[in-house]
């Protein structure tokens, strides 16, 4: 039975805990790095970034990222609540356990959508860039239907990767629309995010292999087995590392600092796979959250430092 006597603050805290707002950290550093790449004036010999203009844009990007992920995660929880109810790992989530009603989750989703579109519109009103407002709803639609993919295809992991890969491109578009077509490094960064996310989502799916089989859901581990799925994950992560090396090679704003970060990230990906090979899903929290959080924050920070220096 769902709760009906909780305060708005309690409901907000329940939703924040259930969708793990802190995990916005996976995509946010890549969006911020792309924003710095797209910012005018940051190439050698140029005047430098206009912080009076760029600072406000960064604040809007952070708000938009948090709102977009909240919409996507609430859509995920709503679409998957019956599946989650029959999965021991997810049965305790707010919706399948009855702690949160579908109606309240839908209200929160709609409010997050409205706030996201207001933030996107602010780019138009303040900075005369209407692309975020024009593409806002299509982007939300794309990132929100991910849960449906596992009902039909094992390519759901790549679709999730493509959803997060939109973040650096969207951030660059919000800063300077023409940069998306002028800077190949942005597309390599997006390619890295896509392959990186798809690779670790395959690892994450190992936990639910038996449940997926029982419920008729699709995943790469179910389609190719645990060993085959891990090899596909390794291949995707090798492509992700190659994208980063290529971005460092072609963009003269990336120097030794970024290259050191890329090498460290390649090592962390190797460590992630070694951990899974040694422990299976017993230490999935270490492999999934800790390592990938370090990868995201580390790469974003080192890339931004290189651009500023």
Protein backbone atom coordinates (compact mmCIF):
# COMPACT_ATOMS: atom_id res chain seq x y z
CA UNK A 1 0.00 0.00 0.00
CA UNK A 2 1.34 3.40 -0.93
CA UNK A 3 1.86 6.16 1.58
CA UNK A 4 -0.55 9.06 1.50
CA UNK A 5 0.50 10.95 4.66
CA UNK A 6 4.03 12.00 3.73
CA UNK A 7 4.98 15.67 3.48
CA UNK A 8 6.32 17.17 0.25
CA UNK A 9 9.80 17.29 1.81
CA UNK A 10 9.62 13.62 2.80
CA UNK A 11 8.43 12.75 -0.70
CA UNK A 12 11.29 14.71 -2.26
CA UNK A 13 13.85 12.99 -0.01
CA UNK A 14 12.34 9.60 -0.81
CA UNK A 15 12.52 10.25 -4.55
CA UNK A 16 16.06 11.68 -4.30
CA UNK A 17 17.24 8.58 -2.46
CA UNK A 18 15.44 6.19 -4.79
CA UNK A 19 16.76 7.65 -8.06
CA UNK A 20 20.16 8.39 -6.50
CA UNK A 21 20.54 12.02 -7.56
CA UNK A 22 24.22 11.82 -6.57
CA UNK A 23 24.78 9.52 -9.56
CA UNK A 24 24.31 12.53 -11.84
CA UNK A 25 28.06 12.68 -11.36
CA UNK A 26 28.55 10.05 -14.07
CA UNK A 27 27.54 12.32 -16.95
CA UNK A 28 27.92 15.82 -15.47
CA UNK A 29 31.75 16.11 -15.66
CA UNK A 30 31.65 15.23 -19.37
CA UNK A 31 29.04 17.92 -19.96
CA UNK A 32 31.18 20.47 -18.12
CA UNK A 33 34.30 19.43 -20.05
CA UNK A 34 32.39 19.82 -23.34
CA UNK A 35 31.17 23.23 -22.21
CA UNK A 36 34.77 24.36 -21.68
CA UNK A 37 35.74 22.97 -25.09
CA UNK A 38 32.91 24.92 -26.72
CA UNK A 39 33.50 28.18 -24.84
CA UNK A 40 34.82 31.02 -27.05
CA UNK A 41 38.24 32.47 -26.31
CA UNK A 42 39.93 29.39 -24.81
CA UNK A 43 42.46 28.63 -27.54
CA UNK A 44 46.12 29.68 -27.29
CA UNK A 45 46.54 33.32 -28.24
CA UNK A 46 42.87 34.19 -27.65
CA UNK A 47 41.57 36.57 -25.00
CA UNK A 48 40.34 33.84 -22.66
CA UNK A 49 36.93 32.77 -21.45
CA UNK A 50 34.47 35.54 -20.60
CA UNK A 51 33.46 34.32 -17.13
CA UNK A 52 30.74 36.94 -16.70
CA UNK A 53 28.96 35.21 -19.59
CA UNK A 54 30.20 31.63 -19.23
CA UNK A 55 29.62 31.29 -15.49
CA UNK A 56 25.86 31.68 -15.83
CA UNK A 57 25.78 29.19 -18.67
CA UNK A 58 27.57 26.61 -16.50
CA UNK A 59 24.99 27.04 -13.74
CA UNK A 60 22.17 26.44 -16.23
CA UNK A 61 23.93 23.35 -17.61
CA UNK A 62 24.24 21.83 -14.14
CA UNK A 63 20.55 22.49 -13.42
CA UNK A 64 19.51 21.07 -16.79
CA UNK A 65 21.60 17.93 -16.28
CA UNK A 66 20.11 17.22 -12.86
CA UNK A 67 16.56 17.82 -14.11
CA UNK A 68 17.04 15.68 -17.22
CA UNK A 69 18.45 12.77 -15.25
CA UNK A 70 15.61 13.07 -12.72
CA UNK A 71 13.06 12.83 -15.55
CA UNK A 72 14.84 9.82 -17.06
CA UNK A 73 15.14 7.98 -13.74
CA UNK A 74 11.52 8.62 -12.75
CA UNK A 75 10.40 7.37 -16.16
CA UNK A 76 12.57 4.31 -15.59
CA UNK A 77 11.03 3.62 -12.20
CA UNK A 78 7.47 4.12 -13.49
CA UNK A 79 7.89 1.96 -16.59
CA UNK A 80 9.72 -0.79 -14.70
CA UNK A 81 7.76 -0.88 -11.45
CA UNK A 82 6.14 -4.26 -12.18
CA UNK A 83 9.44 -5.74 -13.36
CA UNK A 84 11.17 -4.34 -10.27
CA UNK A 85 8.52 -5.85 -8.01
CA UNK A 86 9.54 -9.35 -9.11
CA UNK A 87 13.28 -8.76 -8.87
CA UNK A 88 14.76 -9.35 -5.38
CA UNK A 89 17.43 -6.70 -6.00
CA UNK A 90 14.91 -3.96 -6.86
CA UNK A 91 11.78 -5.00 -4.94
CA UNK A 92 12.62 -2.56 -2.15
CA UNK A 93 12.58 0.49 -4.42
CA UNK A 94 10.05 3.19 -3.63
CA UNK A 95 7.42 2.31 -6.26
CA UNK A 96 7.36 -1.51 -6.13
CA UNK A 97 7.50 -1.47 -2.32
CA UNK A 98 4.58 0.99 -2.09
CA UNK A 99 6.57 3.72 -0.34
CA UNK A 100 5.81 6.03 -3.27
CA UNK A 101 2.62 6.08 -5.32
CA UNK A 102 2.74 6.12 -9.14
CA UNK A 103 0.71 9.33 -9.03
CA UNK A 104 3.32 11.14 -6.93
CA UNK A 105 6.13 9.83 -9.13
CA UNK A 106 4.29 11.11 -12.20
CA UNK A 107 3.78 14.53 -10.58
CA UNK A 108 7.49 14.70 -9.79
CA UNK A 109 8.30 13.70 -13.38
CA UNK A 110 6.08 16.45 -14.79
CA UNK A 111 7.51 19.07 -12.43
CA UNK A 112 11.06 18.05 -13.38
CA UNK A 113 10.13 18.27 -17.05
CA UNK A 114 8.72 21.78 -16.61
CA UNK A 115 11.81 22.90 -14.68
CA UNK A 116 14.08 21.40 -17.34
CA UNK A 117 12.27 23.25 -20.11
CA UNK A 118 12.40 26.51 -18.13
CA UNK A 119 16.16 26.12 -17.78
CA UNK A 120 16.47 25.36 -21.50
CA UNK A 121 14.38 28.42 -22.30
CA UNK A 122 16.65 30.55 -20.12
CA UNK A 123 19.43 30.00 -22.66
CA UNK A 124 17.17 31.66 -25.21
CA UNK A 125 16.01 34.56 -23.09
CA UNK A 126 19.39 35.33 -21.54
CA UNK A 127 21.90 34.26 -24.19
CA UNK A 128 19.78 34.29 -27.38
CA UNK A 129 20.43 30.58 -27.95
CA UNK A 130 17.12 28.79 -28.53
CA UNK A 131 18.54 25.42 -29.52
CA UNK A 132 18.26 23.98 -25.97
CA UNK A 133 14.56 24.91 -25.84
CA UNK A 134 13.90 23.54 -29.35
CA UNK A 135 15.59 20.21 -28.65
CA UNK A 136 14.67 19.90 -24.97
CA UNK A 137 11.56 17.71 -25.27
CA UNK A 138 13.02 15.39 -27.98
CA UNK A 139 16.06 14.82 -25.75
CA UNK A 140 13.84 14.02 -22.75
CA UNK A 141 11.85 11.61 -24.89
CA UNK A 142 15.01 9.84 -26.06
CA UNK A 143 16.53 9.37 -22.60
CA UNK A 144 13.22 8.38 -20.97
CA UNK A 145 12.28 5.36 -23.11
CA UNK A 146 15.43 3.37 -22.31
CA UNK A 147 13.57 0.94 -19.99
CA UNK A 148 11.41 -0.22 -22.91
CA UNK A 149 14.44 -1.38 -24.93
CA UNK A 150 15.24 -4.36 -22.72
CA UNK A 151 11.81 -5.75 -23.52
CA UNK A 152 12.83 -6.08 -27.18
CA UNK A 153 16.58 -6.09 -27.76
CA UNK A 154 19.95 -6.82 -26.17
CA UNK A 155 21.16 -3.51 -27.63
CA UNK A 156 19.53 -1.72 -24.67
CA UNK A 157 23.00 -1.12 -23.18
CA UNK A 158 24.10 0.81 -26.25
CA UNK A 159 20.88 2.82 -26.16
CA UNK A 160 21.60 3.79 -22.55
CA UNK A 161 25.10 4.77 -23.62
CA UNK A 162 23.70 6.95 -26.38
CA UNK A 163 21.43 8.67 -23.86
CA UNK A 164 24.34 9.74 -21.68
CA UNK A 165 26.45 10.52 -24.76
CA UNK A 166 24.02 13.33 -25.52
CA UNK A 167 25.25 15.22 -22.46
CA UNK A 168 28.56 16.58 -23.88
CA UNK A 169 26.95 17.42 -27.22
CA UNK A 170 23.99 19.13 -25.55
CA UNK A 171 26.29 21.14 -23.28
CA UNK A 172 28.38 22.30 -26.23
CA UNK A 173 25.25 23.21 -28.14
CA UNK A 174 24.07 25.28 -25.19
CA UNK A 175 27.36 27.18 -25.03
CA UNK A 176 28.05 27.72 -28.73
CA UNK A 177 25.91 25.81 -31.27
CA UNK A 178 28.44 25.97 -34.10
CA UNK A 179 31.06 24.23 -31.96
CA UNK A 180 29.23 20.92 -32.38
CA UNK A 181 30.09 20.87 -36.08
CA UNK A 182 33.49 22.51 -35.76
CA UNK A 183 35.14 20.45 -33.00
CA UNK A 184 35.62 16.70 -33.64
CA UNK A 185 36.85 16.27 -30.05
CA UNK A 186 33.27 16.77 -28.85
CA UNK A 187 32.09 13.80 -30.90
CA UNK A 188 34.98 11.67 -29.70
CA UNK A 189 34.05 12.60 -26.14
CA UNK A 190 30.45 11.58 -26.84
CA UNK A 191 31.67 8.32 -28.39
CA UNK A 192 33.75 7.65 -25.31
CA UNK A 193 30.75 8.20 -23.03
CA UNK A 194 28.55 5.93 -25.15
CA UNK A 195 30.99 3.01 -25.15
CA UNK A 196 32.03 3.53 -21.53
CA UNK A 197 28.44 3.57 -20.24
CA UNK A 198 27.34 0.64 -22.42
CA UNK A 199 30.34 -1.36 -21.20
CA UNK A 200 29.70 -0.84 -17.51
CA UNK A 201 25.95 -1.33 -17.95
CA UNK A 202 26.70 -4.81 -19.29
CA UNK A 203 28.67 -5.48 -16.09
CA UNK A 204 25.80 -4.11 -14.02
CA UNK A 205 23.35 -6.39 -15.87
CA UNK A 206 25.20 -9.47 -14.62
CA UNK A 207 23.36 -9.06 -11.30
CA UNK A 208 19.98 -9.56 -12.96
CA UNK A 209 20.80 -12.36 -15.40
CA UNK A 210 18.59 -14.97 -13.73
CA UNK A 211 15.74 -12.49 -13.28
CA UNK A 212 16.01 -11.37 -16.91
CA UNK A 213 15.71 -14.97 -18.06
CA UNK A 214 12.64 -15.57 -15.86
CA UNK A 215 10.92 -12.36 -17.01
CA UNK A 216 11.85 -12.69 -20.68
CA UNK A 217 13.97 -9.52 -20.72
CA UNK A 218 16.88 -8.93 -23.04
CA UNK A 219 20.49 -8.09 -22.26
CA UNK A 220 23.89 -8.83 -23.70
CA UNK A 221 24.78 -11.23 -20.83
CA UNK A 222 21.57 -13.14 -21.51
CA UNK A 223 22.13 -13.16 -25.29
CA UNK A 224 25.85 -14.06 -25.28
CA UNK A 225 26.36 -15.51 -21.81
CA UNK A 226 28.50 -14.13 -18.99
CA UNK A 227 31.81 -14.75 -20.77
CA UNK A 228 30.60 -13.35 -24.09
CA UNK A 229 29.05 -10.35 -22.37
CA UNK A 230 32.28 -9.56 -20.54
CA UNK A 231 34.28 -9.70 -23.78
CA UNK A 232 31.83 -7.28 -25.40
CA UNK A 233 32.16 -5.00 -22.38
CA UNK A 234 35.96 -5.13 -22.67
CA UNK A 235 35.78 -4.29 -26.37
CA UNK A 236 33.51 -1.31 -25.69
CA UNK A 237 35.87 -0.02 -23.02
CA UNK A 238 38.84 -0.38 -25.37
CA UNK A 239 36.95 1.72 -27.91
CA UNK A 240 36.16 4.26 -25.17
CA UNK A 241 39.85 4.57 -24.29
CA UNK A 242 40.73 4.89 -27.98
CA UNK A 243 38.25 7.76 -28.34
CA UNK A 244 39.97 9.61 -25.49
CA UNK A 245 43.42 9.11 -27.00
CA UNK A 246 42.08 10.37 -30.34
CA UNK A 247 40.54 13.46 -28.68
CA UNK A 248 43.89 14.21 -27.01
CA UNK A 249 45.69 13.76 -30.33
CA UNK A 250 43.51 16.03 -32.48
CA UNK A 251 42.74 18.89 -30.06
CA UNK A 252 45.75 21.09 -29.30
CA UNK A 253 44.18 22.33 -26.06
CA UNK A 254 44.75 18.93 -24.47
CA UNK A 255 48.28 18.42 -23.19
CA UNK A 256 50.21 16.22 -20.81
CA UNK A 257 47.71 16.62 -17.96
CA UNK A 258 44.84 15.23 -20.01
CA UNK A 259 47.03 12.46 -21.44
CA UNK A 260 48.01 11.36 -17.94
CA UNK A 261 44.32 11.26 -17.07
CA UNK A 262 43.55 9.17 -20.14
CA UNK A 263 46.27 6.68 -19.19
CA UNK A 264 44.96 6.49 -15.62
CA UNK A 265 41.43 5.90 -16.89
CA UNK A 266 42.63 3.07 -19.13
CA UNK A 267 44.21 1.56 -16.02
CA UNK A 268 41.02 1.98 -14.01
CA UNK A 269 39.00 0.24 -16.72
CA UNK A 270 41.45 -2.67 -16.61
CA UNK A 271 41.09 -2.72 -12.81
CA UNK A 272 37.30 -2.70 -13.13
CA UNK A 273 37.33 -5.77 -15.36
CA UNK A 274 39.90 -7.51 -13.18
CA UNK A 275 37.66 -6.92 -10.16
CA UNK A 276 34.63 -8.39 -11.92
CA UNK A 277 36.66 -11.35 -13.20
CA UNK A 278 37.97 -12.03 -9.68
CA UNK A 279 34.88 -11.36 -7.60
CA UNK A 280 31.95 -11.50 -10.01
CA UNK A 281 29.08 -9.31 -8.83
CA UNK A 282 30.07 -9.58 -5.14
CA UNK A 283 31.99 -6.30 -5.39
CA UNK A 284 29.78 -4.70 -8.01
CA UNK A 285 29.47 -1.49 -5.98
CA UNK A 286 33.24 -1.06 -6.17
CA UNK A 287 33.41 -1.80 -9.89
CA UNK A 288 30.33 0.17 -10.86
CA UNK A 289 30.06 3.19 -8.60
CA UNK A 290 33.53 3.85 -7.18
CA UNK A 291 35.67 3.20 -10.25
CA UNK A 292 33.31 4.81 -12.73
CA UNK A 293 32.78 7.80 -10.47
CA UNK A 294 36.56 8.31 -10.34
CA UNK A 295 36.76 7.96 -14.13
CA UNK A 296 34.08 10.59 -14.72
CA UNK A 297 35.27 13.17 -12.19
CA UNK A 298 38.95 12.60 -12.88
CA UNK A 299 38.71 12.96 -16.64
CA UNK A 300 36.42 15.98 -16.44
CA UNK A 301 38.67 17.79 -13.96
CA UNK A 302 41.94 17.06 -15.79
CA UNK A 303 40.47 18.03 -19.15
CA UNK A 304 39.20 21.34 -17.78
CA UNK A 305 42.56 22.06 -16.12
CA UNK A 306 44.34 21.45 -19.42
CA UNK A 307 42.00 23.80 -21.27
CA UNK A 308 42.38 26.56 -18.68
CA UNK A 309 46.15 26.26 -18.64
